[in-house]
Amino acid sequence: MTRTEHLLVVLMEECNEVSQRAAKALRFGLSEVQPEQDATNAQRLASEMADLIGTWRLLAFEGRVDPISMFGDSPAKKAEKIEKYLKYSAECGTLEGT
């Protein structure tokens, strides 16, 4: 396995950890603290995101992927797309609390 392949596996693992923590936050709430833990689900989710971004940065520093700063307005475009589909979900009656 090459270093790049190893980092890609780590990236996959971090994506899974972000997903798992988001699921826990959805099931038990963002402010819930699991037994024998010190941090809330929101804090733990932020930590997992930091791990994911850190792994991406390692890949970027090695020239394997574009650095996040090169994404330009992609995050803003994604936010607009999410808002569009949140509105559509509300119109369909499948989104509560709008």
N, C-alpha and C. Protein backbone atom coordinates (compact mmCIF):
# COMPACT_ATOMS: atom_id res chain seq x y z
N MET A 1 0.85 -1.17 0.00
CA MET A 1 0.00 0.00 0.00
C MET A 1 0.89 1.23 0.00
N THR A 2 0.57 2.19 -0.83
CA THR A 2 1.33 3.43 -0.86
C THR A 2 0.84 4.38 0.23
N ARG A 3 1.59 5.43 0.44
CA ARG A 3 1.19 6.46 1.42
C ARG A 3 -0.15 7.08 1.01
N THR A 4 -0.30 7.36 -0.27
CA THR A 4 -1.55 7.94 -0.75
C THR A 4 -2.71 6.99 -0.51
N GLU A 5 -2.54 5.73 -0.80
CA GLU A 5 -3.60 4.74 -0.57
C GLU A 5 -3.94 4.68 0.92
N HIS A 6 -2.93 4.73 1.76
CA HIS A 6 -3.15 4.71 3.20
C HIS A 6 -3.97 5.92 3.63
N LEU A 7 -3.59 7.10 3.13
CA LEU A 7 -4.33 8.31 3.48
C LEU A 7 -5.77 8.26 2.97
N LEU A 8 -5.98 7.65 1.83
CA LEU A 8 -7.35 7.51 1.32
C LEU A 8 -8.18 6.58 2.20
N VAL A 9 -7.56 5.54 2.73
CA VAL A 9 -8.27 4.67 3.67
C VAL A 9 -8.62 5.44 4.94
N VAL A 10 -7.67 6.22 5.43
CA VAL A 10 -7.94 7.05 6.61
C VAL A 10 -9.08 8.02 6.31
N LEU A 11 -9.08 8.62 5.12
CA LEU A 11 -10.16 9.52 4.73
C LEU A 11 -11.51 8.81 4.77
N MET A 12 -11.55 7.60 4.24
CA MET A 12 -12.79 6.81 4.27
C MET A 12 -13.23 6.56 5.70
N GLU A 13 -12.29 6.19 6.56
CA GLU A 13 -12.63 5.94 7.96
C GLU A 13 -13.17 7.20 8.62
N GLU A 14 -12.55 8.33 8.35
CA GLU A 14 -13.01 9.59 8.96
C GLU A 14 -14.41 9.96 8.47
N CYS A 15 -14.68 9.71 7.19
CA CYS A 15 -16.05 9.95 6.68
C CYS A 15 -17.06 9.11 7.44
N ASN A 16 -16.70 7.86 7.68
CA ASN A 16 -17.60 6.98 8.43
C ASN A 16 -17.80 7.47 9.86
N GLU A 17 -16.74 7.97 10.48
CA GLU A 17 -16.85 8.46 11.85
C GLU A 17 -17.71 9.72 11.92
N VAL A 18 -17.60 10.59 10.93
CA VAL A 18 -18.48 11.77 10.87
C VAL A 18 -19.92 11.31 10.74
N SER A 19 -20.16 10.35 9.86
CA SER A 19 -21.51 9.83 9.65
C SER A 19 -22.07 9.21 10.93
N GLN A 20 -21.26 8.42 11.61
CA GLN A 20 -21.72 7.78 12.84
C GLN A 20 -22.07 8.81 13.91
N ARG A 21 -21.22 9.83 14.04
CA ARG A 21 -21.48 10.83 15.08
C ARG A 21 -22.71 11.66 14.72
N ALA A 22 -22.93 11.95 13.45
CA ALA A 22 -24.13 12.67 13.03
C ALA A 22 -25.37 11.84 13.33
N ALA A 23 -25.29 10.53 13.13
CA ALA A 23 -26.42 9.65 13.44
C ALA A 23 -26.70 9.64 14.93
N LYS A 24 -25.66 9.61 15.76
CA LYS A 24 -25.85 9.65 17.21
C LYS A 24 -26.50 10.97 17.62
N ALA A 25 -26.07 12.07 17.01
CA ALA A 25 -26.65 13.37 17.33
C ALA A 25 -28.11 13.42 16.92
N LEU A 26 -28.44 12.81 15.82
CA LEU A 26 -29.83 12.77 15.37
C LEU A 26 -30.69 11.93 16.31
N ARG A 27 -30.15 10.80 16.74
CA ARG A 27 -30.90 9.89 17.61
C ARG A 27 -31.04 10.42 19.03
N PHE A 28 -29.99 11.03 19.56
CA PHE A 28 -29.98 11.38 20.98
C PHE A 28 -29.87 12.88 21.26
N GLY A 29 -29.66 13.68 20.22
CA GLY A 29 -29.56 15.13 20.38
C GLY A 29 -28.12 15.62 20.33
N LEU A 30 -27.96 16.83 19.87
CA LEU A 30 -26.62 17.42 19.76
C LEU A 30 -26.00 17.70 21.13
N SER A 31 -26.83 17.94 22.14
CA SER A 31 -26.28 18.30 23.46
C SER A 31 -26.09 17.09 24.37
N GLU A 32 -26.47 15.90 23.90
CA GLU A 32 -26.34 14.69 24.73
C GLU A 32 -24.86 14.33 24.90
N VAL A 33 -24.52 13.88 26.11
CA VAL A 33 -23.18 13.39 26.41
C VAL A 33 -23.32 11.91 26.73
N GLN A 34 -22.67 11.08 25.93
CA GLN A 34 -22.74 9.64 26.17
C GLN A 34 -22.10 9.28 27.50
N PRO A 35 -22.59 8.20 28.14
CA PRO A 35 -21.96 7.75 29.38
C PRO A 35 -20.45 7.53 29.18
N GLU A 36 -19.70 7.92 30.15
CA GLU A 36 -18.25 7.80 30.16
C GLU A 36 -17.55 8.69 29.13
N GLN A 37 -18.26 9.72 28.67
CA GLN A 37 -17.68 10.70 27.75
C GLN A 37 -17.76 12.07 28.39
N ASP A 38 -16.91 12.99 27.94
CA ASP A 38 -16.91 14.35 28.47
C ASP A 38 -17.52 15.36 27.51
N ALA A 39 -17.61 15.01 26.22
CA ALA A 39 -18.03 15.96 25.21
C ALA A 39 -19.45 15.65 24.71
N THR A 40 -20.13 16.71 24.26
CA THR A 40 -21.45 16.53 23.67
C THR A 40 -21.31 15.94 22.27
N ASN A 41 -22.43 15.50 21.74
CA ASN A 41 -22.41 15.00 20.36
C ASN A 41 -21.98 16.09 19.39
N ALA A 42 -22.38 17.32 19.64
CA ALA A 42 -21.97 18.43 18.77
C ALA A 42 -20.46 18.62 18.82
N GLN A 43 -19.88 18.55 20.01
CA GLN A 43 -18.43 18.70 20.14
C GLN A 43 -17.70 17.53 19.49
N ARG A 44 -18.22 16.34 19.67
CA ARG A 44 -17.59 15.17 19.07
C ARG A 44 -17.72 15.17 17.55
N LEU A 45 -18.85 15.68 17.05
CA LEU A 45 -19.02 15.82 15.61
C LEU A 45 -18.00 16.81 15.05
N ALA A 46 -17.81 17.92 15.73
CA ALA A 46 -16.81 18.91 15.30
C ALA A 46 -15.41 18.31 15.29
N SER A 47 -15.12 17.49 16.28
CA SER A 47 -13.81 16.84 16.35
C SER A 47 -13.61 15.87 15.17
N GLU A 48 -14.66 15.13 14.85
CA GLU A 48 -14.57 14.20 13.72
C GLU A 48 -14.40 14.96 12.40
N MET A 49 -15.09 16.11 12.28
CA MET A 49 -14.92 16.92 11.07
C MET A 49 -13.49 17.45 10.97
N ALA A 50 -12.93 17.84 12.10
CA ALA A 50 -11.54 18.32 12.10
C ALA A 50 -10.60 17.21 11.65
N ASP A 51 -10.86 15.99 12.08
CA ASP A 51 -10.04 14.85 11.65
C ASP A 51 -10.17 14.63 10.14
N LEU A 52 -11.39 14.75 9.64
CA LEU A 52 -11.62 14.58 8.21
C LEU A 52 -10.89 15.65 7.41
N ILE A 53 -11.03 16.89 7.84
CA ILE A 53 -10.37 18.00 7.13
C ILE A 53 -8.85 17.87 7.23
N GLY A 54 -8.36 17.44 8.38
CA GLY A 54 -6.92 17.24 8.54
C GLY A 54 -6.38 16.19 7.59
N THR A 55 -7.13 15.13 7.40
CA THR A 55 -6.72 14.09 6.47
C THR A 55 -6.73 14.63 5.05
N TRP A 56 -7.78 15.40 4.69
CA TRP A 56 -7.86 16.01 3.36
C TRP A 56 -6.65 16.92 3.13
N ARG A 57 -6.30 17.68 4.17
CA ARG A 57 -5.15 18.60 4.04
C ARG A 57 -3.86 17.84 3.78
N LEU A 58 -3.67 16.71 4.44
CA LEU A 58 -2.47 15.90 4.17
C LEU A 58 -2.42 15.49 2.71
N LEU A 59 -3.55 15.05 2.19
CA LEU A 59 -3.61 14.67 0.78
C LEU A 59 -3.34 15.89 -0.11
N ALA A 60 -3.85 17.05 0.28
CA ALA A 60 -3.65 18.27 -0.50
C ALA A 60 -2.19 18.71 -0.47
N PHE A 61 -1.56 18.66 0.70
CA PHE A 61 -0.17 19.07 0.82
C PHE A 61 0.73 18.21 -0.06
N GLU A 62 0.32 16.98 -0.29
CA GLU A 62 1.10 16.08 -1.14
C GLU A 62 0.71 16.19 -2.61
N GLY A 63 -0.22 17.10 -2.91
CA GLY A 63 -0.61 17.32 -4.29
C GLY A 63 -1.54 16.26 -4.85
N ARG A 64 -2.17 15.48 -4.00
CA ARG A 64 -3.06 14.41 -4.46
C ARG A 64 -4.49 14.88 -4.70
N VAL A 65 -4.92 15.92 -3.98
CA VAL A 65 -6.27 16.49 -4.12
C VAL A 65 -6.14 18.01 -4.06
N ASP A 66 -7.20 18.71 -4.46
CA ASP A 66 -7.20 20.16 -4.37
C ASP A 66 -7.36 20.59 -2.92
N PRO A 67 -6.60 21.58 -2.51
CA PRO A 67 -6.80 22.12 -1.16
C PRO A 67 -8.19 22.71 -1.03
N ILE A 68 -8.73 22.71 0.17
CA ILE A 68 -10.07 23.24 0.40
C ILE A 68 -10.17 24.68 -0.07
N SER A 69 -9.11 25.46 0.09
CA SER A 69 -9.14 26.87 -0.31
C SER A 69 -9.32 27.03 -1.82
N MET A 70 -9.05 25.97 -2.58
CA MET A 70 -9.20 26.04 -4.03
C MET A 70 -10.63 25.73 -4.47
N PHE A 71 -11.49 25.38 -3.53
CA PHE A 71 -12.86 25.04 -3.90
C PHE A 71 -13.67 26.26 -4.29
N GLY A 72 -13.15 27.44 -4.01
CA GLY A 72 -13.86 28.67 -4.37
C GLY A 72 -15.19 28.77 -3.67
N ASP A 73 -16.23 28.97 -4.45
CA ASP A 73 -17.56 29.16 -3.87
C ASP A 73 -18.35 27.86 -3.78
N SER A 74 -17.70 26.72 -3.93
CA SER A 74 -18.41 25.44 -3.86
C SER A 74 -19.19 25.23 -2.56
N PRO A 75 -18.61 25.54 -1.38
CA PRO A 75 -19.40 25.38 -0.16
C PRO A 75 -20.66 26.25 -0.15
N ALA A 76 -20.55 27.47 -0.66
CA ALA A 76 -21.73 28.36 -0.71
C ALA A 76 -22.76 27.81 -1.68
N LYS A 77 -22.30 27.28 -2.81
CA LYS A 77 -23.23 26.69 -3.77
C LYS A 77 -23.92 25.48 -3.17
N LYS A 78 -23.20 24.67 -2.41
CA LYS A 78 -23.80 23.51 -1.76
C LYS A 78 -24.85 23.96 -0.76
N ALA A 79 -24.57 24.99 0.00
CA ALA A 79 -25.54 25.50 0.97
C ALA A 79 -26.81 25.96 0.26
N GLU A 80 -26.66 26.64 -0.87
CA GLU A 80 -27.83 27.07 -1.64
C GLU A 80 -28.65 25.88 -2.12
N LYS A 81 -27.96 24.85 -2.57
CA LYS A 81 -28.63 23.64 -3.06
C LYS A 81 -29.40 22.96 -1.92
N ILE A 82 -28.78 22.89 -0.76
CA ILE A 82 -29.44 22.29 0.40
C ILE A 82 -30.69 23.08 0.75
N GLU A 83 -30.58 24.40 0.78
CA GLU A 83 -31.74 25.25 1.10
C GLU A 83 -32.86 25.04 0.09
N LYS A 84 -32.51 24.92 -1.17
CA LYS A 84 -33.50 24.67 -2.23
C LYS A 84 -34.27 23.39 -1.95
N TYR A 85 -33.55 22.33 -1.59
CA TYR A 85 -34.22 21.05 -1.38
C TYR A 85 -34.91 20.97 -0.02
N LEU A 86 -34.47 21.75 0.96
CA LEU A 86 -35.22 21.86 2.21
C LEU A 86 -36.58 22.48 1.94
N LYS A 87 -36.59 23.52 1.13
CA LYS A 87 -37.85 24.17 0.76
C LYS A 87 -38.75 23.19 0.02
N TYR A 88 -38.18 22.45 -0.91
CA TYR A 88 -38.97 21.48 -1.67
C TYR A 88 -39.52 20.39 -0.75
N SER A 89 -38.73 19.92 0.19
CA SER A 89 -39.20 18.91 1.15
C SER A 89 -40.37 19.45 1.97
N ALA A 90 -40.28 20.72 2.36
CA ALA A 90 -41.38 21.35 3.11
C ALA A 90 -42.64 21.41 2.25
N GLU A 91 -42.48 21.75 0.98
CA GLU A 91 -43.60 21.79 0.07
C GLU A 91 -44.23 20.41 -0.10
N CYS A 92 -43.43 19.38 -0.05
CA CYS A 92 -43.91 17.99 -0.18
C CYS A 92 -44.53 17.49 1.12
N GLY A 93 -44.34 18.24 2.20
CA GLY A 93 -44.90 17.84 3.49
C GLY A 93 -44.04 16.85 4.26
N THR A 94 -42.79 16.71 3.85
CA THR A 94 -41.92 15.74 4.54
C THR A 94 -40.92 16.37 5.49
N LEU A 95 -40.91 17.70 5.58
CA LEU A 95 -40.00 18.40 6.48
C LEU A 95 -40.82 19.13 7.53
N GLU A 96 -40.52 18.86 8.79
CA GLU A 96 -41.24 19.48 9.89
C GLU A 96 -40.54 20.75 10.35
N GLY A 97 -41.31 21.62 11.00
CA GLY A 97 -40.74 22.78 11.67
C GLY A 97 -40.27 23.88 10.76
N THR A 98 -40.89 24.03 9.60
CA THR A 98 -40.45 25.11 8.71
C THR A 98 -41.41 26.27 8.76
